[in-house]
Amino acid sequence: MVRRPVVALTCLLFALTACAAPAAPSSGALSLSGADHSDGTASAVLPAAAVAPARHVKLTGIKTTNATTGVITVTGTVTPAPAKGTRIRLHQWIPTTKKWQEIGHGFSVGTGVTIKVTQPGSVRDYRLNIYAQAPYAASTSKPITFKHYVWRGLFKRGVLASGGKANPQLTVIPPSEGPRRSEADLLADKGGYVWGEVDSTGCRHFKTWLGNLTDGTARLSIHNGPRAKAIASVRQKQETEGNLAAAIDGVTRLRLQATDVQSGYGPYISVDAYLLCTN
């Protein structure tokens, strides 16, 4: 009767020791990492923290909404919706620095955002970006390449060449008087003509206002290069105003020409001319 408590205590201690001993890892258990101990075992590492849930950003639309001032309007979505008024950034890829640069931003309304920025004509890549907002990590949309066409003065890049017949004169109004670089006077003597050529690479449309200041009829025309047939032309009677416009896709050297049709002194036309370009 005296030995029974001792036996019971021994059994209890044996059971506790067995429970505390580490079980051998099964073939399907997670591997352990860390430095090996001298006895051949490895240090266990706690599981990595869970990755922050992703937020999806998409650039859904981009277009030129004002080709005169150069306004670009961009729309996008962010899901799940961020807090109202969250700042969404518009990035543009800058080839010279090979970096993304923020050029504007908008504020979220539900899952949507609209951003408006003013930019010169260009062909660039754009994307949307949102910073981290718990519990979501920062996120960026896929980039979109966009051709941004903006009107610029016909003579903004200077005149490549000029000439004509019978005392031709092409006078571009100086920047101090015509900062848009769009205004010029074209004149020649009776029976003559005058022309000027500009670089129109990257441009798709031409338009001009014109005023005939001579004492008869003159013709204003545009040509694809020096010897090509006129793309478009218009006749103007004495002391009248008019307009001339035409598509010029693929034209890299545009010639503007004023020709005498019937007058006493020769052609004299003033223009206010523009090109729609990505540069």
Protein backbone atom coordinates (compact mmCIF):
# COMPACT_ATOMS: atom_id res chain seq x y z
CA MET A 1 0.00 0.00 0.00
CA VAL A 2 2.90 2.39 0.59
CA ARG A 3 4.45 2.01 -2.96
CA ARG A 4 1.31 2.96 -4.96
CA PRO A 5 1.63 6.79 -4.61
CA VAL A 6 5.27 6.63 -5.78
CA VAL A 7 4.37 4.59 -8.85
CA ALA A 8 1.53 6.94 -9.71
CA LEU A 9 3.79 10.01 -9.41
CA THR A 10 6.43 8.38 -11.64
CA CYS A 11 3.83 7.69 -14.33
CA LEU A 12 2.57 11.26 -14.17
CA LEU A 13 6.07 12.69 -14.61
CA PHE A 14 6.71 10.39 -17.58
CA ALA A 15 3.49 11.51 -19.27
CA LEU A 16 4.32 15.21 -18.85
CA THR A 17 7.80 14.70 -20.28
CA ALA A 18 6.41 12.92 -23.33
CA CYS A 19 3.96 15.78 -24.02
CA ALA A 20 6.67 18.44 -23.83
CA ALA A 21 9.05 16.70 -26.24
CA PRO A 22 9.02 18.13 -29.84
CA ALA A 23 7.40 15.91 -32.43
CA ALA A 24 9.42 14.89 -35.48
CA PRO A 25 8.37 16.84 -38.61
CA SER A 26 6.29 14.92 -41.09
CA SER A 27 7.05 14.87 -44.82
CA GLY A 28 4.30 17.47 -45.41
CA ALA A 29 5.41 19.94 -42.74
CA LEU A 30 6.72 23.44 -43.58
CA SER A 31 10.51 23.61 -43.93
CA LEU A 32 12.50 25.47 -41.30
CA SER A 33 15.15 28.03 -42.02
CA GLY A 34 18.01 29.45 -40.00
CA ALA A 35 21.44 28.40 -38.79
CA ASP A 36 21.99 24.74 -37.97
CA HIS A 37 22.81 23.83 -34.39
CA SER A 38 25.62 21.49 -33.47
CA ASP A 39 23.14 18.73 -32.79
CA GLY A 40 21.82 18.89 -36.38
CA THR A 41 18.55 20.69 -35.67
CA ALA A 42 17.55 24.02 -37.32
CA SER A 43 16.24 27.26 -35.82
CA ALA A 44 12.51 27.72 -36.45
CA VAL A 45 11.36 31.03 -38.04
CA LEU A 46 7.91 32.52 -37.52
CA PRO A 47 5.68 32.79 -40.67
CA ALA A 48 6.14 36.03 -42.72
CA ALA A 49 3.60 38.81 -42.25
CA ALA A 50 0.68 38.71 -44.67
CA VAL A 51 1.10 40.82 -47.87
CA ALA A 52 -1.10 43.94 -48.00
CA PRO A 53 -4.17 43.42 -50.22
CA ALA A 54 -3.87 44.84 -53.74
CA ARG A 55 -5.85 47.77 -55.14
CA HIS A 56 -6.54 47.85 -58.89
CA VAL A 57 -5.91 51.12 -60.77
CA LYS A 58 -6.90 51.51 -64.44
CA LEU A 59 -6.53 54.42 -66.84
CA THR A 60 -9.82 54.22 -68.74
CA GLY A 61 -9.63 57.23 -71.08
CA ILE A 62 -7.31 59.97 -72.30
CA LYS A 63 -8.01 62.65 -74.92
CA THR A 64 -7.21 66.22 -75.95
CA THR A 65 -10.20 68.29 -74.90
CA ASN A 66 -8.84 71.72 -75.91
CA ALA A 67 -6.36 71.72 -78.80
CA THR A 68 -5.90 75.51 -78.58
CA THR A 69 -4.68 75.63 -74.99
CA GLY A 70 -3.44 72.02 -74.88
CA VAL A 71 -5.76 70.51 -72.25
CA ILE A 72 -5.61 66.73 -71.73
CA THR A 73 -8.46 65.02 -69.85
CA VAL A 74 -7.73 61.65 -68.22
CA THR A 75 -10.25 59.33 -66.56
CA GLY A 76 -9.58 56.28 -64.42
CA THR A 77 -10.93 53.85 -61.86
CA VAL A 78 -9.62 52.65 -58.51
CA THR A 79 -11.07 49.48 -56.97
CA PRO A 80 -11.87 48.93 -54.19
CA ALA A 81 -12.91 52.57 -53.88
CA PRO A 82 -10.55 54.70 -51.79
CA ALA A 83 -11.72 57.26 -49.25
CA LYS A 84 -13.54 60.15 -50.95
CA GLY A 85 -11.12 62.87 -51.98
CA THR A 86 -8.07 60.61 -52.13
CA ARG A 87 -5.36 62.14 -54.33
CA ILE A 88 -4.73 60.19 -57.55
CA ARG A 89 -1.60 61.17 -59.47
CA LEU A 90 -1.07 61.38 -63.23
CA HIS A 91 2.45 60.42 -64.33
CA GLN A 92 4.16 61.11 -67.66
CA TRP A 93 7.26 59.29 -68.88
CA ILE A 94 10.08 61.75 -69.65
CA PRO A 95 12.42 60.23 -72.28
CA THR A 96 15.31 62.63 -71.55
CA THR A 97 15.52 61.68 -67.86
CA LYS A 98 14.10 58.15 -68.29
CA LYS A 99 11.84 58.69 -65.29
CA TRP A 100 8.14 59.00 -64.50
CA GLN A 101 7.13 62.52 -63.50
CA GLU A 102 3.92 63.68 -61.86
CA ILE A 103 2.27 66.31 -64.08
CA GLY A 104 -1.12 66.59 -62.39
CA HIS A 105 -3.60 64.98 -60.01
CA GLY A 106 -7.28 64.55 -59.27
CA PHE A 107 -9.42 63.45 -56.33
CA SER A 108 -11.41 60.24 -56.19
CA VAL A 109 -15.21 60.17 -56.21
CA GLY A 110 -16.32 56.61 -55.50
CA THR A 111 -14.20 54.40 -57.74
CA GLY A 112 -13.71 57.13 -60.38
CA VAL A 113 -11.29 60.00 -60.94
CA THR A 114 -10.93 62.72 -63.61
CA ILE A 115 -7.71 64.68 -64.13
CA LYS A 116 -7.15 67.68 -66.41
CA VAL A 117 -3.69 69.03 -67.28
CA THR A 118 -2.29 71.47 -69.83
CA GLN A 119 0.61 70.19 -71.92
CA PRO A 120 2.37 71.12 -75.18
CA GLY A 121 1.95 68.80 -78.16
CA SER A 122 3.68 65.48 -77.58
CA VAL A 123 3.70 61.70 -77.92
CA ARG A 124 4.18 60.31 -74.41
CA ASP A 125 3.30 57.44 -72.06
CA TYR A 126 0.89 58.12 -69.17
CA ARG A 127 -0.19 56.21 -66.05
CA LEU A 128 -2.18 56.69 -62.83
CA ASN A 129 -0.82 56.13 -59.33
CA ILE A 130 -2.23 55.97 -55.82
CA TYR A 131 -0.13 55.88 -52.65
CA ALA A 132 -0.54 53.23 -49.96
CA GLN A 133 -3.76 53.56 -47.97
CA ALA A 134 -4.28 51.02 -45.20
CA PRO A 135 -4.86 48.19 -45.63
CA TYR A 136 -3.87 48.56 -49.31
CA ALA A 137 -0.40 48.91 -50.77
CA ALA A 138 0.47 51.61 -53.34
CA SER A 139 -0.72 50.79 -56.86
CA THR A 140 -0.09 51.97 -60.44
CA SER A 141 -2.03 51.49 -63.68
CA LYS A 142 -0.63 50.08 -66.90
CA PRO A 143 0.84 52.87 -69.07
CA ILE A 144 -0.92 54.16 -72.19
CA THR A 145 0.80 55.89 -75.14
CA PHE A 146 -1.07 59.00 -76.29
CA LYS A 147 -0.58 61.46 -79.18
CA HIS A 148 -1.45 64.95 -77.95
CA TYR A 149 -2.15 67.35 -80.86
CA VAL A 150 -2.07 71.08 -80.11
CA TRP A 151 -2.37 74.10 -82.41
CA ARG A 152 0.83 76.14 -82.78
CA GLY A 153 1.83 79.07 -84.93
CA LEU A 154 2.90 78.15 -88.47
CA PHE A 155 6.22 79.96 -88.03
CA LYS A 156 7.00 78.83 -84.47
CA ARG A 157 9.95 76.80 -85.73
CA GLY A 158 11.04 79.39 -88.26
CA VAL A 159 11.04 79.39 -92.06
CA LEU A 160 13.11 76.72 -93.81
CA ALA A 161 13.26 78.56 -97.14
CA SER A 162 11.44 81.26 -99.09
CA GLY A 163 11.35 82.61 -102.63
CA GLY A 164 9.13 83.37 -105.59
CA LYS A 165 9.01 85.63 -108.65
CA ALA A 166 8.84 89.39 -109.19
CA ASN A 167 10.30 90.84 -106.02
CA PRO A 168 8.85 88.24 -103.56
CA GLN A 169 8.73 89.23 -99.89
CA LEU A 170 7.75 87.03 -96.93
CA THR A 171 7.74 88.95 -93.65
CA VAL A 172 6.97 87.04 -90.44
CA ILE A 173 5.69 89.33 -87.70
CA PRO A 174 8.36 89.48 -84.91
CA PRO A 175 7.69 87.83 -81.51
CA SER A 176 7.33 91.22 -79.81
CA GLU A 177 4.25 91.92 -81.96
CA GLY A 178 3.08 88.37 -82.71
CA PRO A 179 4.12 86.03 -79.86
CA ARG A 180 2.14 83.12 -81.31
CA ARG A 181 4.46 83.14 -84.35
CA SER A 182 1.46 82.73 -86.65
CA GLU A 183 1.27 86.04 -88.51
CA ALA A 184 3.01 87.03 -91.76
CA ASP A 185 2.67 89.21 -94.87
CA LEU A 186 3.25 87.73 -98.36
CA LEU A 187 3.66 90.11 -101.32
CA ALA A 188 5.17 90.34 -104.78
CA ASP A 189 4.97 92.58 -107.85
CA LYS A 190 2.31 92.32 -110.58
CA GLY A 191 2.22 88.85 -112.15
CA GLY A 192 4.44 87.41 -109.44
CA TYR A 193 4.18 85.02 -106.50
CA VAL A 194 5.85 84.45 -103.13
CA TRP A 195 6.27 81.34 -100.99
CA GLY A 196 7.70 80.13 -97.69
CA GLU A 197 8.29 76.59 -96.39
CA VAL A 198 8.10 75.29 -92.83
CA ASP A 199 8.80 71.99 -91.07
CA SER A 200 5.43 70.23 -90.59
CA THR A 201 6.73 66.90 -89.25
CA GLY A 202 4.31 65.50 -86.66
CA CYS A 203 1.44 67.74 -87.83
CA ARG A 204 -1.93 66.66 -89.17
CA HIS A 205 -3.91 69.80 -89.99
CA PHE A 206 -3.43 73.34 -91.30
CA LYS A 207 -5.69 76.37 -90.94
CA THR A 208 -5.37 80.08 -91.58
CA TRP A 209 -7.28 83.32 -91.65
CA LEU A 210 -6.23 85.53 -94.56
CA GLY A 211 -6.83 89.05 -95.75
CA ASN A 212 -6.22 90.20 -99.33
CA LEU A 213 -4.81 93.74 -99.18
CA THR A 214 -4.08 94.17 -102.89
CA ASP A 215 -6.13 95.89 -105.63
CA GLY A 216 -7.26 92.69 -107.33
CA THR A 217 -7.66 88.94 -107.01
CA ALA A 218 -4.93 86.76 -105.43
CA ARG A 219 -4.69 83.07 -104.60
CA LEU A 220 -3.36 81.53 -101.37
CA SER A 221 -2.36 77.85 -101.51
CA ILE A 222 -0.48 75.18 -99.54
CA HIS A 223 1.73 72.51 -101.12
CA ASN A 224 3.43 69.27 -100.09
CA GLY A 225 7.01 70.32 -100.68
CA PRO A 226 8.44 72.65 -103.31
CA ARG A 227 7.16 71.10 -106.54
CA ALA A 228 4.02 69.23 -105.49
CA LYS A 229 0.52 70.08 -106.63
CA ALA A 230 -1.44 72.28 -104.26
CA ILE A 231 -3.12 70.46 -101.36
CA ALA A 232 -5.69 73.24 -101.03
CA SER A 233 -6.15 76.81 -102.30
CA VAL A 234 -8.54 79.73 -102.15
CA ARG A 235 -9.05 82.83 -104.32
CA GLN A 236 -9.60 86.12 -102.57
CA LYS A 237 -11.04 89.22 -104.17
CA GLN A 238 -9.78 92.71 -103.49
CA GLU A 239 -9.85 93.73 -99.81
CA THR A 240 -11.71 90.67 -98.55
CA GLU A 241 -11.09 88.18 -95.76
CA GLY A 242 -11.34 84.39 -95.82
CA ASN A 243 -10.18 81.07 -94.41
CA LEU A 244 -8.24 78.08 -95.70
CA ALA A 245 -7.93 74.70 -93.96
CA ALA A 246 -6.79 71.22 -94.94
CA ALA A 247 -5.54 67.89 -93.60
CA ILE A 248 -1.77 67.48 -94.05
CA ASP A 249 -1.07 63.99 -92.67
CA GLY A 250 2.34 62.80 -93.83
CA VAL A 251 3.49 66.22 -95.06
CA THR A 252 6.89 67.05 -93.57
CA ARG A 253 7.68 70.22 -95.54
CA LEU A 254 4.71 72.52 -96.04
CA ARG A 255 4.81 75.37 -98.56
CA LEU A 256 2.55 78.43 -98.19
CA GLN A 257 2.23 80.46 -101.40
CA ALA A 258 0.49 83.65 -102.52
CA THR A 259 0.05 84.14 -106.27
CA ASP A 260 -1.21 87.06 -108.33
CA VAL A 261 -4.35 86.23 -110.32
CA GLN A 262 -5.35 89.67 -111.60
CA SER A 263 -4.30 92.91 -109.97
CA GLY A 264 -2.64 96.24 -110.63
CA TYR A 265 0.14 95.97 -108.04
CA GLY A 266 0.59 92.25 -107.41
CA PRO A 267 -0.41 89.91 -104.54
CA TYR A 268 -0.41 91.15 -100.95
CA ILE A 269 -1.91 88.74 -98.43
CA SER A 270 -1.72 88.79 -94.64
CA VAL A 271 -2.16 85.46 -92.81
CA ASP A 272 -2.72 84.20 -89.27
CA ALA A 273 -1.82 80.52 -89.77
CA TYR A 274 -1.57 77.44 -87.51
CA LEU A 275 -0.56 73.77 -87.53
CA LEU A 276 -2.06 71.02 -85.37
CA CYS A 277 0.98 69.08 -84.15
CA THR A 278 2.43 66.73 -81.55
CA ASN A 279 5.55 68.88 -81.27
